[in-house]
Amino acid sequence: MATMKELGDKYESKLIGLKNFKIGKTGQTVKERYDSEYANVYESYMILGNSEDEDTIDEFEKYMIDRFIDFNNCDNEQIGGGKMAESNQYIVYLMHNS
């Protein structure tokens, strides 16, 4: 399994090239999350990571936001937080405009 740093390294060049983006987490499907909250703001989304363990996803979301929050095109205003719906699969997602 890749480390959080390795995953951050993998996505960094993609994030630099985006118009704007937001990183988040969910216990829903990413499509449900996108359709309910982000479809009018972002043109697309991608999954950055997933796990059955809620704590792992909490930490990964915080790591990714902390690492990229100072990018000019990052829309996140704080480093993580919030409760997710209970699920068998938790996801860290990226909402974005190209």
PDB file of N, CA and C in Angstrom:
ATOM      1  N   MET A   1       0.846  -1.187   0.000  1.00  0.00           N
ATOM      2  CA  MET A   1       0.000   0.000   0.000  1.00  0.00           C
ATOM      3  C   MET A   1       0.887   1.245   0.000  1.00  0.00           C
ATOM      4  N   ALA A   2       0.496   2.217  -0.785  1.00  0.00           N
ATOM      5  CA  ALA A   2       1.250   3.477  -0.868  1.00  0.00           C
ATOM      6  C   ALA A   2       1.097   4.277   0.421  1.00  0.00           C
ATOM      7  N   THR A   3       2.134   5.029   0.752  1.00  0.00           N
ATOM      8  CA  THR A   3       2.057   5.918   1.910  1.00  0.00           C
ATOM      9  C   THR A   3       1.297   7.186   1.520  1.00  0.00           C
ATOM     10  N   MET A   4       0.893   7.960   2.506  1.00  0.00           N
ATOM     11  CA  MET A   4       0.213   9.226   2.227  1.00  0.00           C
ATOM     12  C   MET A   4       1.115  10.162   1.435  1.00  0.00           C
ATOM     13  N   LYS A   5       2.403  10.176   1.773  1.00  0.00           N
ATOM     14  CA  LYS A   5       3.336  11.024   1.034  1.00  0.00           C
ATOM     15  C   LYS A   5       3.423  10.596  -0.424  1.00  0.00           C
ATOM     16  N   GLU A   6       3.509   9.288  -0.659  1.00  0.00           N
ATOM     17  CA  GLU A   6       3.578   8.791  -2.036  1.00  0.00           C
ATOM     18  C   GLU A   6       2.326   9.168  -2.830  1.00  0.00           C
ATOM     19  N   LEU A   7       1.170   9.066  -2.194  1.00  0.00           N
ATOM     20  CA  LEU A   7      -0.068   9.461  -2.864  1.00  0.00           C
ATOM     21  C   LEU A   7      -0.097  10.966  -3.121  1.00  0.00           C
ATOM     22  N   GLY A   8       0.356  11.747  -2.153  1.00  0.00           N
ATOM     23  CA  GLY A   8       0.448  13.198  -2.352  1.00  0.00           C
ATOM     24  C   GLY A   8       1.373  13.541  -3.495  1.00  0.00           C
ATOM     25  N   ASP A   9       2.522  12.865  -3.556  1.00  0.00           N
ATOM     26  CA  ASP A   9       3.472  13.083  -4.653  1.00  0.00           C
ATOM     27  C   ASP A   9       2.819  12.738  -5.993  1.00  0.00           C
ATOM     28  N   LYS A  10       2.052  11.664  -6.015  1.00  0.00           N
ATOM     29  CA  LYS A  10       1.398  11.201  -7.247  1.00  0.00           C
ATOM     30  C   LYS A  10       0.429  12.247  -7.786  1.00  0.00           C
ATOM     31  N   TYR A  11      -0.311  12.901  -6.891  1.00  0.00           N
ATOM     32  CA  TYR A  11      -1.360  13.834  -7.320  1.00  0.00           C
ATOM     33  C   TYR A  11      -0.899  15.289  -7.441  1.00  0.00           C
ATOM     34  N   GLU A  12       0.249  15.620  -6.893  1.00  0.00           N
ATOM     35  CA  GLU A  12       0.678  17.025  -6.862  1.00  0.00           C
ATOM     36  C   GLU A  12       0.706  17.667  -8.245  1.00  0.00           C
ATOM     37  N   SER A  13       1.310  17.041  -9.230  1.00  0.00           N
ATOM     38  CA  SER A  13       1.404  17.660 -10.558  1.00  0.00           C
ATOM     39  C   SER A  13       0.028  17.821 -11.195  1.00  0.00           C
ATOM     40  N   LYS A  14      -0.907  16.916 -10.906  1.00  0.00           N
ATOM     41  CA  LYS A  14      -2.268  17.040 -11.427  1.00  0.00           C
ATOM     42  C   LYS A  14      -2.979  18.242 -10.803  1.00  0.00           C
ATOM     43  N   LEU A  15      -2.764  18.456  -9.508  1.00  0.00           N
ATOM     44  CA  LEU A  15      -3.429  19.559  -8.815  1.00  0.00           C
ATOM     45  C   LEU A  15      -2.916  20.911  -9.298  1.00  0.00           C
ATOM     46  N   ILE A  16      -1.639  20.998  -9.572  1.00  0.00           N
ATOM     47  CA  ILE A  16      -1.046  22.247 -10.043  1.00  0.00           C
ATOM     48  C   ILE A  16      -1.723  22.711 -11.328  1.00  0.00           C
ATOM     49  N   GLY A  17      -2.084  21.776 -12.209  1.00  0.00           N
ATOM     50  CA  GLY A  17      -2.653  22.124 -13.501  1.00  0.00           C
ATOM     51  C   GLY A  17      -4.143  22.417 -13.504  1.00  0.00           C
ATOM     52  N   LEU A  18      -4.819  22.275 -12.383  1.00  0.00           N
ATOM     53  CA  LEU A  18      -6.256  22.505 -12.328  1.00  0.00           C
ATOM     54  C   LEU A  18      -6.584  23.981 -12.103  1.00  0.00           C
ATOM     55  N   LYS A  19      -7.742  24.405 -12.602  1.00  0.00           N
ATOM     56  CA  LYS A  19      -8.210  25.780 -12.369  1.00  0.00           C
ATOM     57  C   LYS A  19      -8.467  25.974 -10.866  1.00  0.00           C
ATOM     58  N   ASN A  20      -9.219  25.055 -10.285  1.00  0.00           N
ATOM     59  CA  ASN A  20      -9.438  25.054  -8.843  1.00  0.00           C
ATOM     60  C   ASN A  20      -9.898  23.662  -8.409  1.00  0.00           C
ATOM     61  N   PHE A  21      -9.769  23.396  -7.107  1.00  0.00           N
ATOM     62  CA  PHE A  21     -10.119  22.078  -6.587  1.00  0.00           C
ATOM     63  C   PHE A  21     -10.451  22.154  -5.110  1.00  0.00           C
ATOM     64  N   LYS A  22     -11.122  21.101  -4.645  1.00  0.00           N
ATOM     65  CA  LYS A  22     -11.432  20.944  -3.227  1.00  0.00           C
ATOM     66  C   LYS A  22     -11.280  19.476  -2.879  1.00  0.00           C
ATOM     67  N   ILE A  23     -10.622  19.209  -1.759  1.00  0.00           N
ATOM     68  CA  ILE A  23     -10.416  17.853  -1.254  1.00  0.00           C
ATOM     69  C   ILE A  23     -11.388  17.627  -0.109  1.00  0.00           C
ATOM     70  N   GLY A  24     -12.006  16.449  -0.074  1.00  0.00           N
ATOM     71  CA  GLY A  24     -12.932  16.125   1.002  1.00  0.00           C
ATOM     72  C   GLY A  24     -12.991  14.628   1.220  1.00  0.00           C
ATOM     73  N   LYS A  25     -13.892  14.231   2.109  1.00  0.00           N
ATOM     74  CA  LYS A  25     -14.060  12.814   2.435  1.00  0.00           C
ATOM     75  C   LYS A  25     -15.546  12.512   2.543  1.00  0.00           C
ATOM     76  N   THR A  26     -15.887  11.251   2.335  1.00  0.00           N
ATOM     77  CA  THR A  26     -17.292  10.866   2.425  1.00  0.00           C
ATOM     78  C   THR A  26     -17.438   9.378   2.708  1.00  0.00           C
ATOM     79  N   GLY A  27     -18.558   9.024   3.267  1.00  0.00           N
ATOM     80  CA  GLY A  27     -18.968   7.635   3.414  1.00  0.00           C
ATOM     81  C   GLY A  27     -19.986   7.271   2.334  1.00  0.00           C
ATOM     82  N   GLN A  28     -20.439   8.274   1.578  1.00  0.00           N
ATOM     83  CA  GLN A  28     -21.341   8.059   0.442  1.00  0.00           C
ATOM     84  C   GLN A  28     -20.509   7.667  -0.779  1.00  0.00           C
ATOM     85  N   THR A  29     -21.173   7.397  -1.883  1.00  0.00           N
ATOM     86  CA  THR A  29     -20.422   7.289  -3.120  1.00  0.00           C
ATOM     87  C   THR A  29     -20.014   8.704  -3.516  1.00  0.00           C
ATOM     88  N   VAL A  30     -18.943   8.827  -4.270  1.00  0.00           N
ATOM     89  CA  VAL A  30     -18.496  10.160  -4.679  1.00  0.00           C
ATOM     90  C   VAL A  30     -19.531  10.786  -5.612  1.00  0.00           C
ATOM     91  N   LYS A  31     -20.175   9.996  -6.440  1.00  0.00           N
ATOM     92  CA  LYS A  31     -21.208  10.532  -7.323  1.00  0.00           C
ATOM     93  C   LYS A  31     -22.356  11.124  -6.516  1.00  0.00           C
ATOM     94  N   GLU A  32     -22.784  10.437  -5.465  1.00  0.00           N
ATOM     95  CA  GLU A  32     -23.852  10.981  -4.605  1.00  0.00           C
ATOM     96  C   GLU A  32     -23.413  12.304  -3.982  1.00  0.00           C
ATOM     97  N   ARG A  33     -22.203  12.336  -3.488  1.00  0.00           N
ATOM     98  CA  ARG A  33     -21.665  13.554  -2.872  1.00  0.00           C
ATOM     99  C   ARG A  33     -21.596  14.688  -3.888  1.00  0.00           C
ATOM    100  N   TYR A  34     -21.082  14.376  -5.079  1.00  0.00           N
ATOM    101  CA  TYR A  34     -20.969  15.362  -6.157  1.00  0.00           C
ATOM    102  C   TYR A  34     -22.351  15.897  -6.540  1.00  0.00           C
ATOM    103  N   ASP A  35     -23.287  14.992  -6.798  1.00  0.00           N
ATOM    104  CA  ASP A  35     -24.625  15.399  -7.232  1.00  0.00           C
ATOM    105  C   ASP A  35     -25.352  16.222  -6.177  1.00  0.00           C
ATOM    106  N   SER A  36     -25.160  15.897  -4.904  1.00  0.00           N
ATOM    107  CA  SER A  36     -25.902  16.582  -3.840  1.00  0.00           C
ATOM    108  C   SER A  36     -25.295  17.925  -3.438  1.00  0.00           C
ATOM    109  N   GLU A  37     -23.990  18.115  -3.648  1.00  0.00           N
ATOM    110  CA  GLU A  37     -23.367  19.326  -3.112  1.00  0.00           C
ATOM    111  C   GLU A  37     -22.457  20.088  -4.075  1.00  0.00           C
ATOM    112  N   TYR A  38     -21.892  19.426  -5.063  1.00  0.00           N
ATOM    113  CA  TYR A  38     -20.821  20.058  -5.835  1.00  0.00           C
ATOM    114  C   TYR A  38     -21.069  20.212  -7.336  1.00  0.00           C
ATOM    115  N   ALA A  39     -22.120  19.624  -7.875  1.00  0.00           N
ATOM    116  CA  ALA A  39     -22.339  19.618  -9.331  1.00  0.00           C
ATOM    117  C   ALA A  39     -22.435  21.022  -9.922  1.00  0.00           C
ATOM    118  N   ASN A  40     -22.911  21.986  -9.152  1.00  0.00           N
ATOM    119  CA  ASN A  40     -23.042  23.363  -9.651  1.00  0.00           C
ATOM    120  C   ASN A  40     -21.763  24.177  -9.501  1.00  0.00           C
ATOM    121  N   VAL A  41     -20.750  23.594  -8.864  1.00  0.00           N
ATOM    122  CA  VAL A  41     -19.506  24.318  -8.599  1.00  0.00           C
ATOM    123  C   VAL A  41     -18.328  23.727  -9.373  1.00  0.00           C
ATOM    124  N   TYR A  42     -18.265  22.418  -9.447  1.00  0.00           N
ATOM    125  CA  TYR A  42     -17.129  21.735 -10.075  1.00  0.00           C
ATOM    126  C   TYR A  42     -17.591  20.896 -11.262  1.00  0.00           C
ATOM    127  N   GLU A  43     -16.754  20.821 -12.278  1.00  0.00           N
ATOM    128  CA  GLU A  43     -17.123  20.088 -13.489  1.00  0.00           C
ATOM    129  C   GLU A  43     -16.845  18.591 -13.402  1.00  0.00           C
ATOM    130  N   SER A  44     -16.004  18.169 -12.455  1.00  0.00           N
ATOM    131  CA  SER A  44     -15.662  16.755 -12.378  1.00  0.00           C
ATOM    132  C   SER A  44     -15.121  16.396 -10.993  1.00  0.00           C
ATOM    133  N   TYR A  45     -14.891  15.110 -10.804  1.00  0.00           N
ATOM    134  CA  TYR A  45     -14.345  14.623  -9.534  1.00  0.00           C
ATOM    135  C   TYR A  45     -13.500  13.388  -9.780  1.00  0.00           C
ATOM    136  N   MET A  46     -12.674  13.074  -8.786  1.00  0.00           N
ATOM    137  CA  MET A  46     -11.911  11.823  -8.822  1.00  0.00           C
ATOM    138  C   MET A  46     -11.704  11.329  -7.400  1.00  0.00           C
ATOM    139  N   ILE A  47     -11.469  10.047  -7.283  1.00  0.00           N
ATOM    140  CA  ILE A  47     -11.183   9.422  -5.994  1.00  0.00           C
ATOM    141  C   ILE A  47      -9.671   9.430  -5.787  1.00  0.00           C
ATOM    142  N   LEU A  48      -9.239   9.961  -4.643  1.00  0.00           N
ATOM    143  CA  LEU A  48      -7.816   9.987  -4.310  1.00  0.00           C
ATOM    144  C   LEU A  48      -7.403   8.779  -3.484  1.00  0.00           C
ATOM    145  N   GLY A  49      -8.346   8.225  -2.737  1.00  0.00           N
ATOM    146  CA  GLY A  49      -8.054   7.057  -1.914  1.00  0.00           C
ATOM    147  C   GLY A  49      -9.312   6.555  -1.236  1.00  0.00           C
ATOM    148  N   ASN A  50      -9.306   5.304  -0.848  1.00  0.00           N
ATOM    149  CA  ASN A  50     -10.445   4.746  -0.130  1.00  0.00           C
ATOM    150  C   ASN A  50      -9.978   3.698   0.866  1.00  0.00           C
ATOM    151  N   SER A  51     -10.826   3.461   1.864  1.00  0.00           N
ATOM    152  CA  SER A  51     -10.496   2.493   2.903  1.00  0.00           C
ATOM    153  C   SER A  51     -11.766   2.100   3.640  1.00  0.00           C
ATOM    154  N   GLU A  52     -11.750   0.928   4.218  1.00  0.00           N
ATOM    155  CA  GLU A  52     -12.836   0.506   5.094  1.00  0.00           C
ATOM    156  C   GLU A  52     -12.689   1.147   6.473  1.00  0.00           C
ATOM    157  N   ASP A  53     -11.511   1.717   6.751  1.00  0.00           N
ATOM    158  CA  ASP A  53     -11.220   2.290   8.062  1.00  0.00           C
ATOM    159  C   ASP A  53     -11.441   3.808   8.048  1.00  0.00           C
ATOM    160  N   GLU A  54     -12.394   4.269   8.822  1.00  0.00           N
ATOM    161  CA  GLU A  54     -12.743   5.692   8.886  1.00  0.00           C
ATOM    162  C   GLU A  54     -11.566   6.551   9.354  1.00  0.00           C
ATOM    163  N   ASP A  55     -10.809   6.078  10.342  1.00  0.00           N
ATOM    164  CA  ASP A  55      -9.676   6.857  10.862  1.00  0.00           C
ATOM    165  C   ASP A  55      -8.595   7.062   9.802  1.00  0.00           C
ATOM    166  N   THR A  56      -8.363   6.043   8.984  1.00  0.00           N
ATOM    167  CA  THR A  56      -7.376   6.158   7.911  1.00  0.00           C
ATOM    168  C   THR A  56      -7.786   7.260   6.932  1.00  0.00           C
ATOM    169  N   ILE A  57      -9.058   7.307   6.578  1.00  0.00           N
ATOM    170  CA  ILE A  57      -9.550   8.325   5.648  1.00  0.00           C
ATOM    171  C   ILE A  57      -9.520   9.703   6.294  1.00  0.00           C
ATOM    172  N   ASP A  58      -9.853   9.804   7.569  1.00  0.00           N
ATOM    173  CA  ASP A  58      -9.736  11.089   8.280  1.00  0.00           C
ATOM    174  C   ASP A  58      -8.306  11.621   8.186  1.00  0.00           C
ATOM    175  N   GLU A  59      -7.341  10.764   8.466  1.00  0.00           N
ATOM    176  CA  GLU A  59      -5.939  11.182   8.453  1.00  0.00           C
ATOM    177  C   GLU A  59      -5.455  11.515   7.042  1.00  0.00           C
ATOM    178  N   PHE A  60      -5.886  10.737   6.054  1.00  0.00           N
ATOM    179  CA  PHE A  60      -5.474  10.991   4.683  1.00  0.00           C
ATOM    180  C   PHE A  60      -6.049  12.313   4.175  1.00  0.00           C
ATOM    181  N   GLU A  61      -7.315  12.576   4.487  1.00  0.00           N
ATOM    182  CA  GLU A  61      -7.912  13.863   4.087  1.00  0.00           C
ATOM    183  C   GLU A  61      -7.137  15.024   4.711  1.00  0.00           C
ATOM    184  N   LYS A  62      -6.869  14.937   6.008  1.00  0.00           N
ATOM    185  CA  LYS A  62      -6.123  16.002   6.692  1.00  0.00           C
ATOM    186  C   LYS A  62      -4.738  16.190   6.081  1.00  0.00           C
ATOM    187  N   TYR A  63      -4.059  15.091   5.782  1.00  0.00           N
ATOM    188  CA  TYR A  63      -2.730  15.172   5.183  1.00  0.00           C
ATOM    189  C   TYR A  63      -2.790  15.892   3.839  1.00  0.00           C
ATOM    190  N   MET A  64      -3.719  15.474   2.982  1.00  0.00           N
ATOM    191  CA  MET A  64      -3.807  16.057   1.639  1.00  0.00           C
ATOM    192  C   MET A  64      -4.173  17.542   1.695  1.00  0.00           C
ATOM    193  N   ILE A  65      -5.122  17.904   2.533  1.00  0.00           N
ATOM    194  CA  ILE A  65      -5.493  19.314   2.625  1.00  0.00           C
ATOM    195  C   ILE A  65      -4.338  20.123   3.194  1.00  0.00           C
ATOM    196  N   ASP A  66      -3.719  19.636   4.253  1.00  0.00           N
ATOM    197  CA  ASP A  66      -2.591  20.348   4.855  1.00  0.00           C
ATOM    198  C   ASP A  66      -1.467  20.539   3.829  1.00  0.00           C
ATOM    199  N   ARG A  67      -1.230  19.540   3.027  1.00  0.00           N
ATOM    200  CA  ARG A  67      -0.161  19.616   2.032  1.00  0.00           C
ATOM    201  C   ARG A  67      -0.471  20.609   0.915  1.00  0.00           C
ATOM    202  N   PHE A  68      -1.736  20.736   0.518  1.00  0.00           N
ATOM    203  CA  PHE A  68      -2.081  21.524  -0.670  1.00  0.00           C
ATOM    204  C   PHE A  68      -2.907  22.780  -0.389  1.00  0.00           C
ATOM    205  N   ILE A  69      -3.238  23.068   0.853  1.00  0.00           N
ATOM    206  CA  ILE A  69      -4.119  24.199   1.162  1.00  0.00           C
ATOM    207  C   ILE A  69      -3.524  25.549   0.741  1.00  0.00           C
ATOM    208  N   ASP A  70      -2.213  25.653   0.675  1.00  0.00           N
ATOM    209  CA  ASP A  70      -1.587  26.918   0.288  1.00  0.00           C
ATOM    210  C   ASP A  70      -1.456  27.100  -1.218  1.00  0.00           C
ATOM    211  N   PHE A  71      -1.874  26.114  -2.009  1.00  0.00           N
ATOM    212  CA  PHE A  71      -1.908  26.282  -3.462  1.00  0.00           C
ATOM    213  C   PHE A  71      -2.959  27.351  -3.785  1.00  0.00           C
ATOM    214  N   ASN A  72      -2.665  28.238  -4.705  1.00  0.00           N
ATOM    215  CA  ASN A  72      -3.608  29.306  -5.073  1.00  0.00           C
ATOM    216  C   ASN A  72      -4.932  28.769  -5.592  1.00  0.00           C
ATOM    217  N   ASN A  73      -4.927  27.584  -6.179  1.00  0.00           N
ATOM    218  CA  ASN A  73      -6.142  27.030  -6.770  1.00  0.00           C
ATOM    219  C   ASN A  73      -6.905  26.090  -5.829  1.00  0.00           C
ATOM    220  N   CYS A  74      -6.485  26.012  -4.571  1.00  0.00           N
ATOM    221  CA  CYS A  74      -7.156  25.154  -3.582  1.00  0.00           C
ATOM    222  C   CYS A  74      -8.303  25.916  -2.919  1.00  0.00           C
ATOM    223  N   ASP A  75      -9.499  25.345  -2.953  1.00  0.00           N
ATOM    224  CA  ASP A  75     -10.687  25.968  -2.363  1.00  0.00           C
ATOM    225  C   ASP A  75     -10.922  25.579  -0.909  1.00  0.00           C
ATOM    226  N   ASN A  76     -10.138  24.658  -0.358  1.00  0.00           N
ATOM    227  CA  ASN A  76     -10.322  24.280   1.041  1.00  0.00           C
ATOM    228  C   ASN A  76      -9.976  25.459   1.939  1.00  0.00           C
ATOM    229  N   GLU A  77     -10.799  25.654   2.969  1.00  0.00           N
ATOM    230  CA  GLU A  77     -10.592  26.758   3.908  1.00  0.00           C
ATOM    231  C   GLU A  77     -10.065  26.288   5.246  1.00  0.00           C
ATOM    232  N   GLN A  78     -10.185  25.002   5.520  1.00  0.00           N
ATOM    233  CA  GLN A  78      -9.673  24.440   6.773  1.00  0.00           C
ATOM    234  C   GLN A  78      -9.164  23.036   6.520  1.00  0.00           C
ATOM    235  N   ILE A  79      -8.409  22.530   7.460  1.00  0.00           N
ATOM    236  CA  ILE A  79      -7.783  21.217   7.296  1.00  0.00           C
ATOM    237  C   ILE A  79      -8.671  20.144   7.901  1.00  0.00           C
ATOM    238  N   GLY A  80      -9.561  19.609   7.079  1.00  0.00           N
ATOM    239  CA  GLY A  80     -10.373  18.467   7.465  1.00  0.00           C
ATOM    240  C   GLY A  80     -11.385  18.743   8.549  1.00  0.00           C
ATOM    241  N   GLY A  81     -11.987  17.667   8.960  1.00  0.00           N
ATOM    242  CA  GLY A  81     -12.989  17.740  10.002  1.00  0.00           C
ATOM    243  C   GLY A  81     -14.323  17.251   9.494  1.00  0.00           C
ATOM    244  N   GLY A  82     -15.286  17.229  10.372  1.00  0.00           N
ATOM    245  CA  GLY A  82     -16.623  16.795   9.998  1.00  0.00           C
ATOM    246  C   GLY A  82     -16.772  15.293  10.065  1.00  0.00           C
ATOM    247  N   LYS A  83     -17.967  14.884  10.312  1.00  0.00           N
ATOM    248  CA  LYS A  83     -18.308  13.474  10.440  1.00  0.00           C
ATOM    249  C   LYS A  83     -18.793  12.942   9.107  1.00  0.00           C
ATOM    250  N   MET A  84     -18.498  11.704   8.819  1.00  0.00           N
ATOM    251  CA  MET A  84     -18.970  11.051   7.602  1.00  0.00           C
ATOM    252  C   MET A  84     -20.128  10.122   7.931  1.00  0.00           C
ATOM    253  N   ALA A  85     -20.975   9.879   6.940  1.00  0.00           N
ATOM    254  CA  ALA A  85     -22.020   8.876   7.092  1.00  0.00           C
ATOM    255  C   ALA A  85     -21.366   7.521   7.325  1.00  0.00           C
ATOM    256  N   GLU A  86     -21.956   6.718   8.191  1.00  0.00           N
ATOM    257  CA  GLU A  86     -21.402   5.384   8.443  1.00  0.00           C
ATOM    258  C   GLU A  86     -21.454   4.566   7.162  1.00  0.00           C
ATOM    259  N   SER A  87     -20.371   3.841   6.891  1.00  0.00           N
ATOM    260  CA  SER A  87     -20.257   3.159   5.615  1.00  0.00           C
ATOM    261  C   SER A  87     -19.322   1.959   5.721  1.00  0.00           C
ATOM    262  N   ASN A  88     -19.357   1.122   4.699  1.00  0.00           N
ATOM    263  CA  ASN A  88     -18.396   0.026   4.575  1.00  0.00           C
ATOM    264  C   ASN A  88     -17.155   0.478   3.833  1.00  0.00           C
ATOM    265  N   GLN A  89     -17.237   1.651   3.189  1.00  0.00           N
ATOM    266  CA  GLN A  89     -16.149   2.171   2.371  1.00  0.00           C
ATOM    267  C   GLN A  89     -16.110   3.699   2.500  1.00  0.00           C
ATOM    268  N   TYR A  90     -14.991   4.227   2.950  1.00  0.00           N
ATOM    269  CA  TYR A  90     -14.804   5.668   3.092  1.00  0.00           C
ATOM    270  C   TYR A  90     -13.859   6.141   1.991  1.00  0.00           C
ATOM    271  N   ILE A  91     -14.084   7.360   1.517  1.00  0.00           N
ATOM    272  CA  ILE A  91     -13.378   7.843   0.341  1.00  0.00           C
ATOM    273  C   ILE A  91     -12.856   9.258   0.561  1.00  0.00           C
ATOM    274  N   VAL A  92     -11.628   9.523   0.103  1.00  0.00           N
ATOM    275  CA  VAL A  92     -11.120  10.883  -0.027  1.00  0.00           C
ATOM    276  C   VAL A  92     -11.246  11.226  -1.502  1.00  0.00           C
ATOM    277  N   TYR A  93     -11.918  12.355  -1.770  1.00  0.00           N
ATOM    278  CA  TYR A  93     -12.208  12.740  -3.147  1.00  0.00           C
ATOM    279  C   TYR A  93     -11.600  14.100  -3.478  1.00  0.00           C
ATOM    280  N   LEU A  94     -11.565  14.373  -4.768  1.00  0.00           N
ATOM    281  CA  LEU A  94     -11.115  15.657  -5.284  1.00  0.00           C
ATOM    282  C   LEU A  94     -12.201  16.158  -6.227  1.00  0.00           C
ATOM    283  N   MET A  95     -12.820  17.300  -5.912  1.00  0.00           N
ATOM    284  CA  MET A  95     -13.728  17.992  -6.810  1.00  0.00           C
ATOM    285  C   MET A  95     -12.895  19.024  -7.535  1.00  0.00           C
ATOM    286  N   HIS A  96     -13.110  19.198  -8.848  1.00  0.00           N
ATOM    287  CA  HIS A  96     -12.210  20.115  -9.562  1.00  0.00           C
ATOM    288  C   HIS A  96     -12.795  20.683 -10.841  1.00  0.00           C
ATOM    289  N   ASN A  97     -12.200  21.791 -11.253  1.00  0.00           N
ATOM    290  CA  ASN A  97     -12.413  22.401 -12.560  1.00  0.00           C
ATOM    291  C   ASN A  97     -11.076  22.401 -13.270  1.00  0.00           C
ATOM    292  N   SER A  98     -11.091  21.985 -14.532  1.00  0.00           N
ATOM    293  CA  SER A  98      -9.850  21.902 -15.304  1.00  0.00           C
ATOM    294  C   SER A  98      -9.343  23.270 -15.725  1.00  0.00           C
TER     295      SER A  98
END
